[in-house]
Amino acid sequence: MRKYLIKGTYSFKVQKIIMADSSEELVNHVLYRRGGYGLRGWKEREQNAYEEWIDSIEVEEVQDE
């Protein structure tokens, strides 16, 4: 059996409704919430919509060392 290294990039799009008193408060909530993960930090149950797709993929056979 051969070994392969797969490298790739992907994009994702999320949508969530957030209540805030101002757009500044909203931006702070999105960018600086727990751990600073921004949109990636949204748990599946918090999202109203989620979509992802592969931008690029590269496959390379790896030799045993």
N, C-alpha and C. Protein backbone atom coordinates (compact mmCIF):
# COMPACT_ATOMS: atom_id res chain seq x y z
N MET A 1 0.84 -1.17 0.00
CA MET A 1 0.00 0.00 0.00
C MET A 1 0.89 1.25 0.00
N ARG A 2 0.56 2.23 -0.77
CA ARG A 2 1.34 3.46 -0.88
C ARG A 2 0.84 4.51 0.10
N LYS A 3 1.75 5.42 0.46
CA LYS A 3 1.39 6.54 1.34
C LYS A 3 1.31 7.80 0.50
N TYR A 4 0.34 8.65 0.81
CA TYR A 4 0.16 9.90 0.09
C TYR A 4 0.01 11.05 1.08
N LEU A 5 0.59 12.16 0.72
CA LEU A 5 0.43 13.39 1.47
C LEU A 5 -0.55 14.25 0.69
N ILE A 6 -1.59 14.69 1.34
CA ILE A 6 -2.59 15.54 0.68
C ILE A 6 -2.51 16.92 1.30
N LYS A 7 -2.34 17.92 0.45
CA LYS A 7 -2.33 19.32 0.88
C LYS A 7 -3.49 20.01 0.18
N GLY A 8 -4.14 20.89 0.88
CA GLY A 8 -5.24 21.58 0.23
C GLY A 8 -5.67 22.81 0.99
N THR A 9 -6.51 23.56 0.36
CA THR A 9 -7.12 24.72 0.99
C THR A 9 -8.61 24.63 0.77
N TYR A 10 -9.34 25.16 1.71
CA TYR A 10 -10.78 25.18 1.54
C TYR A 10 -11.33 26.48 2.09
N SER A 11 -12.48 26.84 1.63
CA SER A 11 -13.17 28.03 2.10
C SER A 11 -14.47 27.59 2.74
N PHE A 12 -14.94 28.40 3.64
CA PHE A 12 -16.24 28.12 4.21
C PHE A 12 -17.00 29.41 4.41
N LYS A 13 -18.29 29.28 4.43
CA LYS A 13 -19.15 30.44 4.62
C LYS A 13 -20.15 30.09 5.70
N VAL A 14 -20.26 30.96 6.70
CA VAL A 14 -21.23 30.75 7.77
C VAL A 14 -22.16 31.94 7.84
N GLN A 15 -23.27 31.72 8.44
CA GLN A 15 -24.25 32.80 8.61
C GLN A 15 -24.85 32.64 9.99
N LYS A 16 -24.98 33.75 10.70
CA LYS A 16 -25.51 33.71 12.06
C LYS A 16 -26.15 35.06 12.36
N ILE A 17 -27.27 35.04 13.03
CA ILE A 17 -27.92 36.28 13.44
C ILE A 17 -27.45 36.59 14.86
N ILE A 18 -26.95 37.81 15.06
CA ILE A 18 -26.42 38.23 16.36
C ILE A 18 -27.11 39.52 16.77
N MET A 19 -27.53 39.58 18.01
CA MET A 19 -28.13 40.80 18.55
C MET A 19 -27.02 41.64 19.16
N ALA A 20 -26.97 42.93 18.83
CA ALA A 20 -25.95 43.83 19.36
C ALA A 20 -26.52 45.25 19.40
N ASP A 21 -25.97 46.07 20.27
CA ASP A 21 -26.40 47.46 20.39
C ASP A 21 -25.77 48.35 19.33
N SER A 22 -24.65 47.93 18.75
CA SER A 22 -23.98 48.72 17.72
C SER A 22 -23.17 47.80 16.83
N SER A 23 -22.79 48.31 15.66
CA SER A 23 -21.96 47.51 14.76
C SER A 23 -20.59 47.27 15.38
N GLU A 24 -20.09 48.21 16.18
CA GLU A 24 -18.80 48.03 16.85
C GLU A 24 -18.87 46.86 17.83
N GLU A 25 -19.93 46.78 18.59
CA GLU A 25 -20.11 45.66 19.51
C GLU A 25 -20.19 44.34 18.75
N LEU A 26 -20.86 44.37 17.62
CA LEU A 26 -20.99 43.19 16.78
C LEU A 26 -19.63 42.71 16.28
N VAL A 27 -18.81 43.63 15.76
CA VAL A 27 -17.48 43.28 15.26
C VAL A 27 -16.63 42.70 16.39
N ASN A 28 -16.70 43.31 17.58
CA ASN A 28 -15.94 42.79 18.72
C ASN A 28 -16.39 41.38 19.08
N HIS A 29 -17.67 41.14 19.02
CA HIS A 29 -18.20 39.81 19.33
C HIS A 29 -17.66 38.77 18.33
N VAL A 30 -17.67 39.12 17.05
CA VAL A 30 -17.24 38.18 16.01
C VAL A 30 -15.73 37.95 16.04
N LEU A 31 -14.96 39.02 16.18
CA LEU A 31 -13.50 38.90 16.07
C LEU A 31 -12.81 38.46 17.35
N TYR A 32 -13.36 38.82 18.49
CA TYR A 32 -12.60 38.63 19.73
C TYR A 32 -13.30 37.75 20.75
N ARG A 33 -14.25 36.95 20.31
CA ARG A 33 -14.92 36.08 21.28
C ARG A 33 -13.99 34.96 21.70
N ARG A 34 -14.38 34.17 22.63
CA ARG A 34 -13.58 33.09 23.24
C ARG A 34 -12.47 32.56 22.32
N GLY A 35 -11.23 32.79 22.70
CA GLY A 35 -10.11 32.23 21.97
C GLY A 35 -9.72 32.98 20.71
N GLY A 36 -10.47 33.98 20.31
CA GLY A 36 -10.14 34.77 19.15
C GLY A 36 -10.26 34.04 17.83
N TYR A 37 -11.12 33.04 17.74
CA TYR A 37 -11.24 32.27 16.51
C TYR A 37 -12.18 32.89 15.50
N GLY A 38 -12.85 33.95 15.84
CA GLY A 38 -13.75 34.59 14.89
C GLY A 38 -14.81 33.64 14.39
N LEU A 39 -15.06 33.65 13.10
CA LEU A 39 -16.11 32.82 12.51
C LEU A 39 -15.84 31.33 12.69
N ARG A 40 -14.57 30.94 12.70
CA ARG A 40 -14.24 29.52 12.86
C ARG A 40 -14.66 29.00 14.23
N GLY A 41 -14.77 29.90 15.20
CA GLY A 41 -15.10 29.49 16.56
C GLY A 41 -16.58 29.20 16.77
N TRP A 42 -17.40 29.50 15.79
CA TRP A 42 -18.83 29.24 15.95
C TRP A 42 -19.09 27.76 15.92
N LYS A 43 -19.71 27.28 16.94
CA LYS A 43 -20.08 25.87 16.98
C LYS A 43 -21.23 25.62 16.01
N GLU A 44 -21.32 24.40 15.55
CA GLU A 44 -22.33 24.04 14.56
C GLU A 44 -23.73 24.45 15.01
N ARG A 45 -24.04 24.25 16.27
CA ARG A 45 -25.38 24.56 16.75
C ARG A 45 -25.66 26.07 16.80
N GLU A 46 -24.59 26.91 16.76
CA GLU A 46 -24.77 28.35 16.80
C GLU A 46 -25.00 28.95 15.41
N GLN A 47 -24.72 28.19 14.36
CA GLN A 47 -24.78 28.73 13.01
C GLN A 47 -26.19 28.60 12.43
N ASN A 48 -26.58 29.59 11.67
CA ASN A 48 -27.84 29.50 10.93
C ASN A 48 -27.63 28.80 9.60
N ALA A 49 -26.42 28.88 9.06
CA ALA A 49 -26.10 28.23 7.78
C ALA A 49 -24.59 27.99 7.72
N TYR A 50 -24.18 26.94 7.01
CA TYR A 50 -22.78 26.61 6.86
C TYR A 50 -22.58 26.00 5.47
N GLU A 51 -21.50 26.39 4.83
CA GLU A 51 -21.18 25.84 3.51
C GLU A 51 -19.67 25.83 3.37
N GLU A 52 -19.10 24.77 2.83
CA GLU A 52 -17.67 24.76 2.57
C GLU A 52 -17.38 24.09 1.24
N TRP A 53 -16.24 24.44 0.66
CA TRP A 53 -15.85 23.88 -0.63
C TRP A 53 -14.34 23.87 -0.70
N ILE A 54 -13.80 22.98 -1.53
CA ILE A 54 -12.36 22.85 -1.70
C ILE A 54 -11.89 23.84 -2.76
N ASP A 55 -10.89 24.64 -2.39
CA ASP A 55 -10.30 25.59 -3.34
C ASP A 55 -9.20 24.93 -4.17
N SER A 56 -8.37 24.14 -3.50
CA SER A 56 -7.29 23.45 -4.21
C SER A 56 -6.91 22.20 -3.44
N ILE A 57 -6.36 21.25 -4.18
CA ILE A 57 -5.88 20.01 -3.56
C ILE A 57 -4.64 19.55 -4.32
N GLU A 58 -3.68 19.04 -3.58
CA GLU A 58 -2.42 18.59 -4.15
C GLU A 58 -2.10 17.23 -3.52
N VAL A 59 -1.80 16.24 -4.32
CA VAL A 59 -1.50 14.90 -3.84
C VAL A 59 -0.07 14.57 -4.21
N GLU A 60 0.65 14.02 -3.23
CA GLU A 60 2.07 13.70 -3.44
C GLU A 60 2.34 12.34 -2.80
N GLU A 61 2.96 11.45 -3.56
CA GLU A 61 3.31 10.14 -2.99
C GLU A 61 4.50 10.33 -2.05
N VAL A 62 4.44 9.67 -0.90
CA VAL A 62 5.48 9.80 0.13
C VAL A 62 6.24 8.48 0.22
N GLN A 63 7.56 8.57 0.21
CA GLN A 63 8.41 7.38 0.34
C GLN A 63 8.70 7.12 1.81
N ASP A 64 8.76 5.87 2.21
CA ASP A 64 9.14 5.53 3.59
C ASP A 64 10.57 5.96 3.83
N GLU A 65 10.80 6.47 5.02
CA GLU A 65 12.17 6.92 5.37
C GLU A 65 12.90 5.88 6.17
